[in-house]
Amino acid sequence: MASDASFVEFVVGQIVDAGIIESKKMFGEYAIYCNGKVVALICDNQLFVKPTVAGKAFIGKVVEAPAYIGAKPSFLIEEGLDNNEWLTELIKITADELPMPKPKKVKY
């Protein structure tokens, strides 16, 4: 089941203060970027945040699940979606720990 654009807009609105936030549609679902880094996925109207050591420490008791079949486990955010300060901090912490994506090779 594809995610609703309204859910994506809600999540983006909750974390807008974390940095430069973008959402990009991919195969009916969405990738969430913070400052150029993929920090989360939205699949089936659920938020999956990329796992980091600092993110796990911040969340405490985490629920891990794959965003889609065959994906590596991510932090499934079920509680806290309504708390924009908490969610913003989690996204900042996650973005700070993740490396910048590798530059794409230019094809000639």
Protein backbone atom coordinates (compact mmCIF):
# COMPACT_ATOMS: atom_id res chain seq x y z
CA MET A 1 0.00 0.00 0.00
CA ALA A 2 1.44 3.38 -0.97
CA SER A 3 1.74 6.18 1.56
CA ASP A 4 -0.58 9.16 1.51
CA ALA A 5 0.89 12.53 0.56
CA SER A 6 -0.96 14.04 3.53
CA PHE A 7 0.94 11.77 5.96
CA VAL A 8 4.23 12.73 4.33
CA GLU A 9 3.34 16.43 4.61
CA PHE A 10 2.46 15.91 8.28
CA VAL A 11 5.83 14.27 9.05
CA VAL A 12 7.76 16.90 7.10
CA GLY A 13 5.86 19.62 8.97
CA GLN A 14 6.80 18.02 12.27
CA ILE A 15 10.55 18.03 11.48
CA VAL A 16 10.87 21.21 9.44
CA ASP A 17 13.16 22.77 12.08
CA ALA A 18 15.70 19.92 11.88
CA GLY A 19 17.44 21.43 8.84
CA ILE A 20 16.81 21.42 5.11
CA ILE A 21 14.04 18.84 4.85
CA GLU A 22 12.96 17.30 1.56
CA SER A 23 10.74 14.37 0.67
CA LYS A 24 11.16 12.47 -2.56
CA LYS A 25 8.70 9.96 -3.92
CA MET A 26 10.25 6.61 -4.74
CA PHE A 27 8.25 3.61 -5.98
CA GLY A 28 5.06 4.84 -4.33
CA GLU A 29 6.78 5.51 -1.01
CA TYR A 30 8.97 8.37 0.22
CA ALA A 31 12.52 9.07 1.30
CA ILE A 32 13.01 11.89 3.81
CA TYR A 33 16.19 13.94 3.51
CA CYS A 34 17.75 16.23 6.11
CA ASN A 35 20.61 18.41 4.91
CA GLY A 36 21.17 16.18 1.88
CA LYS A 37 21.18 12.88 3.79
CA VAL A 38 18.48 10.21 3.69
CA VAL A 39 17.42 10.00 7.33
CA ALA A 40 14.11 8.17 7.06
CA LEU A 41 11.64 6.37 4.85
CA ILE A 42 7.88 6.57 4.87
CA CYS A 43 6.28 3.32 3.81
CA ASP A 44 2.64 2.33 4.29
CA ASN A 45 2.08 5.57 6.26
CA GLN A 46 4.71 4.59 8.81
CA LEU A 47 7.93 6.44 9.64
CA PHE A 48 11.16 4.43 9.60
CA VAL A 49 14.25 6.33 10.79
CA LYS A 50 17.70 5.09 9.82
CA PRO A 51 19.35 3.39 12.78
CA THR A 52 22.25 5.15 14.49
CA VAL A 53 23.93 4.65 17.86
CA ALA A 54 23.00 8.15 19.00
CA GLY A 55 19.43 7.74 17.75
CA LYS A 56 19.03 4.51 19.68
CA ALA A 57 20.35 6.17 22.85
CA PHE A 58 17.95 9.09 22.35
CA ILE A 59 14.89 6.88 21.76
CA GLY A 60 15.65 4.40 24.51
CA LYS A 61 13.49 1.36 23.92
CA VAL A 62 13.39 1.13 20.13
CA VAL A 63 11.14 -0.86 17.86
CA GLU A 64 13.03 -2.09 14.83
CA ALA A 65 11.37 -3.24 11.63
CA PRO A 66 12.17 -3.25 7.91
CA ALA A 67 10.47 -0.48 5.93
CA TYR A 68 9.74 -2.97 3.13
CA ILE A 69 10.41 -6.63 2.38
CA GLY A 70 14.13 -7.21 2.10
CA ALA A 71 15.14 -3.94 3.75
CA LYS A 72 17.47 -3.68 6.72
CA PRO A 73 15.71 -2.93 10.01
CA SER A 74 15.10 0.72 10.84
CA PHE A 75 13.66 2.45 13.89
CA LEU A 76 9.89 2.31 13.52
CA ILE A 77 8.49 5.47 15.07
CA GLU A 78 5.05 4.68 16.38
CA GLU A 79 4.99 6.94 19.41
CA GLY A 80 6.24 10.51 19.25
CA LEU A 81 4.94 11.47 15.82
CA ASP A 82 2.80 14.16 17.47
CA ASN A 83 5.75 15.58 19.43
CA ASN A 84 7.52 17.80 16.93
CA GLU A 85 10.32 18.79 19.34
CA TRP A 86 11.18 15.16 20.10
CA LEU A 87 10.93 14.09 16.46
CA THR A 88 12.97 17.08 15.28
CA GLU A 89 15.72 16.22 17.76
CA LEU A 90 15.75 12.58 16.63
CA ILE A 91 16.12 13.66 12.99
CA LYS A 92 18.94 16.10 13.88
CA ILE A 93 20.77 13.40 15.84
CA THR A 94 20.35 10.93 12.99
CA ALA A 95 21.52 13.38 10.31
CA ASP A 96 24.55 14.36 12.40
CA GLU A 97 25.70 10.75 12.69
CA LEU A 98 25.11 9.67 9.09
CA PRO A 99 27.81 10.25 6.47
CA MET A 100 27.22 12.42 3.43
CA PRO A 101 26.17 10.37 0.40
CA LYS A 102 28.88 9.47 -2.05
CA PRO A 103 28.94 11.69 -5.13
CA LYS A 104 27.38 10.11 -8.19
CA LYS A 105 29.72 9.21 -11.00
CA VAL A 106 29.38 11.33 -14.10
CA LYS A 107 28.68 9.34 -17.26
CA TYR A 108 30.16 10.61 -20.49
